[in-house]
N, C-alpha and C. Protein backbone atom coordinates (compact mmCIF):
# COMPACT_ATOMS: atom_id res chain seq x y z
N MET A 1 -7.52 -45.74 0.91
CA MET A 1 -7.90 -45.40 -0.44
C MET A 1 -7.88 -46.68 -1.27
N ASP A 2 -8.99 -47.03 -1.89
CA ASP A 2 -9.11 -48.27 -2.64
C ASP A 2 -8.47 -48.19 -4.02
N ASN A 3 -8.58 -47.05 -4.68
CA ASN A 3 -8.09 -46.90 -6.04
C ASN A 3 -6.95 -45.87 -6.03
N PRO A 4 -5.70 -46.32 -6.23
CA PRO A 4 -4.57 -45.40 -6.15
C PRO A 4 -4.57 -44.32 -7.22
N THR A 5 -5.30 -44.51 -8.32
CA THR A 5 -5.34 -43.50 -9.37
C THR A 5 -6.41 -42.43 -9.11
N GLN A 6 -7.30 -42.71 -8.20
CA GLN A 6 -8.36 -41.75 -7.89
C GLN A 6 -7.94 -40.92 -6.68
N PRO A 7 -7.94 -39.57 -6.80
CA PRO A 7 -7.51 -38.74 -5.68
C PRO A 7 -8.49 -38.82 -4.52
N GLU A 8 -7.98 -38.52 -3.33
CA GLU A 8 -8.84 -38.46 -2.14
C GLU A 8 -9.87 -37.36 -2.34
N PRO A 9 -11.09 -37.55 -1.84
CA PRO A 9 -12.11 -36.51 -2.01
C PRO A 9 -11.76 -35.26 -1.19
N LEU A 10 -12.22 -34.14 -1.66
CA LEU A 10 -12.12 -32.90 -0.91
C LEU A 10 -13.18 -32.96 0.18
N ARG A 11 -12.77 -32.92 1.43
CA ARG A 11 -13.71 -33.06 2.55
C ARG A 11 -14.02 -31.68 3.10
N LEU A 12 -15.31 -31.35 3.15
CA LEU A 12 -15.75 -30.04 3.59
C LEU A 12 -16.26 -30.07 5.02
N GLY A 13 -16.00 -29.00 5.74
CA GLY A 13 -16.65 -28.72 7.01
C GLY A 13 -17.56 -27.54 6.77
N VAL A 14 -18.85 -27.71 7.03
CA VAL A 14 -19.83 -26.67 6.74
C VAL A 14 -20.27 -26.02 8.05
N LEU A 15 -20.26 -24.69 8.08
CA LEU A 15 -20.72 -23.93 9.24
C LEU A 15 -22.10 -23.36 8.96
N LEU A 16 -22.99 -23.47 9.94
CA LEU A 16 -24.33 -22.90 9.78
C LEU A 16 -24.89 -22.48 11.13
N SER A 17 -25.88 -21.60 11.09
CA SER A 17 -26.52 -21.18 12.33
C SER A 17 -28.03 -21.10 12.21
N GLY A 18 -28.54 -21.46 11.06
CA GLY A 18 -29.99 -21.39 10.84
C GLY A 18 -30.49 -22.55 10.00
N ARG A 19 -31.24 -22.19 8.97
CA ARG A 19 -31.88 -23.22 8.13
C ARG A 19 -30.87 -24.08 7.38
N GLY A 20 -29.71 -23.53 7.08
CA GLY A 20 -28.71 -24.31 6.35
C GLY A 20 -29.00 -24.39 4.86
N SER A 21 -29.60 -23.34 4.29
CA SER A 21 -29.97 -23.39 2.88
C SER A 21 -28.74 -23.56 1.98
N ASN A 22 -27.64 -22.90 2.30
CA ASN A 22 -26.42 -23.07 1.49
C ASN A 22 -25.86 -24.47 1.66
N PHE A 23 -25.85 -24.98 2.89
CA PHE A 23 -25.41 -26.35 3.14
C PHE A 23 -26.25 -27.34 2.33
N LEU A 24 -27.57 -27.16 2.35
CA LEU A 24 -28.45 -28.08 1.63
C LEU A 24 -28.21 -28.01 0.12
N ALA A 25 -27.90 -26.83 -0.40
CA ALA A 25 -27.58 -26.70 -1.82
C ALA A 25 -26.29 -27.43 -2.15
N ILE A 26 -25.29 -27.30 -1.29
CA ILE A 26 -24.03 -28.02 -1.50
C ILE A 26 -24.28 -29.53 -1.45
N ALA A 27 -25.01 -30.00 -0.44
CA ALA A 27 -25.31 -31.43 -0.30
C ALA A 27 -26.06 -31.95 -1.53
N ARG A 28 -27.02 -31.17 -2.01
CA ARG A 28 -27.79 -31.59 -3.19
C ARG A 28 -26.87 -31.68 -4.41
N ASN A 29 -26.00 -30.70 -4.60
CA ASN A 29 -25.09 -30.71 -5.75
C ASN A 29 -24.10 -31.86 -5.68
N ILE A 30 -23.65 -32.20 -4.49
CA ILE A 30 -22.78 -33.38 -4.34
C ILE A 30 -23.55 -34.63 -4.72
N ARG A 31 -24.75 -34.78 -4.17
CA ARG A 31 -25.58 -35.97 -4.44
C ARG A 31 -25.89 -36.12 -5.92
N GLU A 32 -26.11 -34.99 -6.62
CA GLU A 32 -26.48 -35.02 -8.03
C GLU A 32 -25.26 -35.08 -8.97
N GLY A 33 -24.06 -35.17 -8.38
CA GLY A 33 -22.86 -35.33 -9.18
C GLY A 33 -22.30 -34.05 -9.77
N ARG A 34 -22.80 -32.91 -9.34
CA ARG A 34 -22.30 -31.63 -9.86
C ARG A 34 -21.00 -31.19 -9.19
N LEU A 35 -20.66 -31.81 -8.07
CA LEU A 35 -19.42 -31.52 -7.36
C LEU A 35 -18.65 -32.83 -7.17
N PRO A 36 -18.10 -33.36 -8.26
CA PRO A 36 -17.39 -34.64 -8.14
C PRO A 36 -16.16 -34.51 -7.26
N GLY A 37 -15.89 -35.56 -6.51
CA GLY A 37 -14.71 -35.57 -5.66
C GLY A 37 -14.84 -34.72 -4.42
N VAL A 38 -16.07 -34.37 -4.03
CA VAL A 38 -16.31 -33.54 -2.84
C VAL A 38 -17.26 -34.30 -1.92
N GLU A 39 -16.98 -34.24 -0.62
CA GLU A 39 -17.90 -34.82 0.37
C GLU A 39 -17.96 -33.90 1.58
N ILE A 40 -19.07 -33.96 2.28
CA ILE A 40 -19.22 -33.17 3.50
C ILE A 40 -18.77 -34.05 4.66
N ALA A 41 -17.72 -33.60 5.36
CA ALA A 41 -17.16 -34.37 6.47
C ALA A 41 -17.88 -34.08 7.76
N VAL A 42 -18.29 -32.83 7.97
CA VAL A 42 -18.95 -32.45 9.22
C VAL A 42 -19.75 -31.17 8.99
N VAL A 43 -20.85 -31.06 9.72
CA VAL A 43 -21.66 -29.84 9.72
C VAL A 43 -21.61 -29.29 11.15
N ILE A 44 -21.23 -28.03 11.28
CA ILE A 44 -20.99 -27.41 12.58
C ILE A 44 -21.93 -26.23 12.77
N SER A 45 -22.46 -26.11 13.98
CA SER A 45 -23.33 -24.97 14.29
C SER A 45 -23.05 -24.48 15.70
N ASN A 46 -23.44 -23.23 15.95
CA ASN A 46 -23.39 -22.68 17.29
C ASN A 46 -24.79 -22.53 17.86
N VAL A 47 -25.78 -23.08 17.17
CA VAL A 47 -27.18 -23.01 17.59
C VAL A 47 -27.71 -24.44 17.69
N ALA A 48 -28.02 -24.86 18.92
CA ALA A 48 -28.41 -26.26 19.15
C ALA A 48 -29.63 -26.70 18.35
N ASP A 49 -30.60 -25.81 18.20
CA ASP A 49 -31.83 -26.20 17.51
C ASP A 49 -31.89 -25.66 16.07
N ALA A 50 -30.74 -25.42 15.46
CA ALA A 50 -30.70 -24.96 14.07
C ALA A 50 -31.31 -26.02 13.16
N PRO A 51 -32.30 -25.65 12.36
CA PRO A 51 -32.90 -26.62 11.44
C PRO A 51 -31.87 -27.27 10.50
N GLY A 52 -30.84 -26.54 10.11
CA GLY A 52 -29.81 -27.10 9.23
C GLY A 52 -29.04 -28.22 9.89
N LEU A 53 -28.84 -28.13 11.21
CA LEU A 53 -28.15 -29.19 11.95
C LEU A 53 -29.01 -30.46 11.96
N ALA A 54 -30.30 -30.28 12.16
CA ALA A 54 -31.22 -31.43 12.11
C ALA A 54 -31.23 -32.05 10.71
N ALA A 55 -31.20 -31.20 9.68
CA ALA A 55 -31.18 -31.71 8.30
C ALA A 55 -29.91 -32.51 8.04
N ALA A 56 -28.78 -32.05 8.58
CA ALA A 56 -27.53 -32.79 8.42
C ALA A 56 -27.63 -34.16 9.08
N ARG A 57 -28.20 -34.20 10.27
CA ARG A 57 -28.38 -35.50 10.95
C ARG A 57 -29.29 -36.40 10.14
N ASP A 58 -30.36 -35.84 9.57
CA ASP A 58 -31.28 -36.63 8.74
C ASP A 58 -30.57 -37.21 7.51
N LEU A 59 -29.54 -36.51 7.02
CA LEU A 59 -28.77 -36.99 5.88
C LEU A 59 -27.67 -37.96 6.29
N GLY A 60 -27.57 -38.23 7.60
CA GLY A 60 -26.57 -39.17 8.09
C GLY A 60 -25.18 -38.60 8.19
N LEU A 61 -25.07 -37.27 8.26
CA LEU A 61 -23.76 -36.63 8.34
C LEU A 61 -23.35 -36.40 9.79
N GLN A 62 -22.06 -36.37 10.01
CA GLN A 62 -21.54 -36.06 11.34
C GLN A 62 -21.80 -34.59 11.62
N THR A 63 -22.19 -34.29 12.87
CA THR A 63 -22.47 -32.92 13.26
C THR A 63 -21.69 -32.56 14.51
N ALA A 64 -21.48 -31.26 14.69
CA ALA A 64 -20.83 -30.76 15.90
C ALA A 64 -21.52 -29.47 16.31
N LEU A 65 -21.65 -29.27 17.60
CA LEU A 65 -22.27 -28.08 18.16
C LEU A 65 -21.28 -27.40 19.08
N PHE A 66 -21.02 -26.13 18.83
CA PHE A 66 -20.15 -25.32 19.67
C PHE A 66 -20.99 -24.15 20.16
N VAL A 67 -21.47 -24.23 21.38
CA VAL A 67 -22.33 -23.17 21.92
C VAL A 67 -21.43 -21.99 22.28
N SER A 68 -21.70 -20.86 21.66
CA SER A 68 -20.84 -19.70 21.87
C SER A 68 -21.56 -18.53 22.53
N LYS A 69 -22.87 -18.56 22.60
CA LYS A 69 -23.63 -17.46 23.17
C LYS A 69 -24.28 -17.90 24.47
N ALA A 70 -24.06 -17.14 25.52
CA ALA A 70 -24.65 -17.40 26.83
C ALA A 70 -24.28 -18.78 27.36
N ALA A 71 -23.10 -19.25 27.01
CA ALA A 71 -22.66 -20.55 27.50
C ALA A 71 -22.26 -20.43 28.96
N PRO A 72 -22.69 -21.35 29.81
CA PRO A 72 -22.34 -21.27 31.22
C PRO A 72 -20.86 -21.53 31.48
N ALA A 73 -20.21 -22.25 30.59
CA ALA A 73 -18.79 -22.55 30.72
C ALA A 73 -18.06 -21.90 29.54
N PRO A 74 -16.74 -21.70 29.65
CA PRO A 74 -16.01 -21.08 28.55
C PRO A 74 -16.17 -21.85 27.23
N SER A 75 -16.35 -23.14 27.30
CA SER A 75 -16.45 -23.92 26.08
C SER A 75 -17.45 -25.05 26.27
N THR A 76 -18.45 -25.10 25.41
CA THR A 76 -19.42 -26.18 25.42
C THR A 76 -19.45 -26.76 24.03
N ILE A 77 -19.17 -28.04 23.91
CA ILE A 77 -19.08 -28.69 22.61
C ILE A 77 -19.92 -29.95 22.64
N ALA A 78 -20.68 -30.18 21.59
CA ALA A 78 -21.41 -31.44 21.44
C ALA A 78 -21.18 -31.94 20.02
N THR A 79 -20.96 -33.22 19.89
CA THR A 79 -20.79 -33.80 18.57
C THR A 79 -21.66 -35.03 18.44
N SER A 80 -21.96 -35.38 17.20
CA SER A 80 -22.66 -36.64 16.96
C SER A 80 -22.21 -37.17 15.62
N SER A 81 -22.28 -38.45 15.49
CA SER A 81 -22.01 -39.09 14.21
C SER A 81 -23.26 -39.87 13.87
N PRO A 82 -23.39 -40.30 12.63
CA PRO A 82 -24.60 -41.03 12.26
C PRO A 82 -24.90 -42.24 13.13
N ALA A 83 -23.85 -42.84 13.72
CA ALA A 83 -24.06 -44.07 14.48
C ALA A 83 -24.10 -43.84 15.99
N SER A 84 -24.02 -42.59 16.44
CA SER A 84 -23.98 -42.39 17.89
C SER A 84 -24.79 -41.18 18.30
N ALA A 85 -25.13 -41.13 19.56
CA ALA A 85 -25.85 -40.00 20.12
C ALA A 85 -24.87 -38.87 20.38
N PRO A 86 -25.35 -37.62 20.45
CA PRO A 86 -24.46 -36.50 20.72
C PRO A 86 -23.74 -36.65 22.05
N THR A 87 -22.53 -36.14 22.08
CA THR A 87 -21.72 -36.13 23.28
C THR A 87 -21.38 -34.68 23.56
N ALA A 88 -21.40 -34.27 24.82
CA ALA A 88 -21.10 -32.87 25.17
C ALA A 88 -19.96 -32.82 26.15
N TRP A 89 -19.15 -31.78 26.00
CA TRP A 89 -18.08 -31.50 26.94
C TRP A 89 -18.29 -30.10 27.47
N ASN A 90 -18.15 -29.91 28.77
CA ASN A 90 -18.24 -28.58 29.36
C ASN A 90 -16.91 -28.21 29.96
């Protein structure tokens, strides 16, 4: 923390499974200063091709994928950060 008088931002984890319209509204309000002291830490989905997950990547946000339907293994997880390609664990 650079400024000891400024509180740490509230970091959000956003869950989505489709277009991510609520996520995009939150991101827009943060960007426009309507939600001061708030940042999106990660966007999580259980749908690999969810348009909202792609939008999060386009915004440079960290994403995570937890496949929960018809997964061949009990747990399938993929994550990505703005600087790296997705990684999956089975």
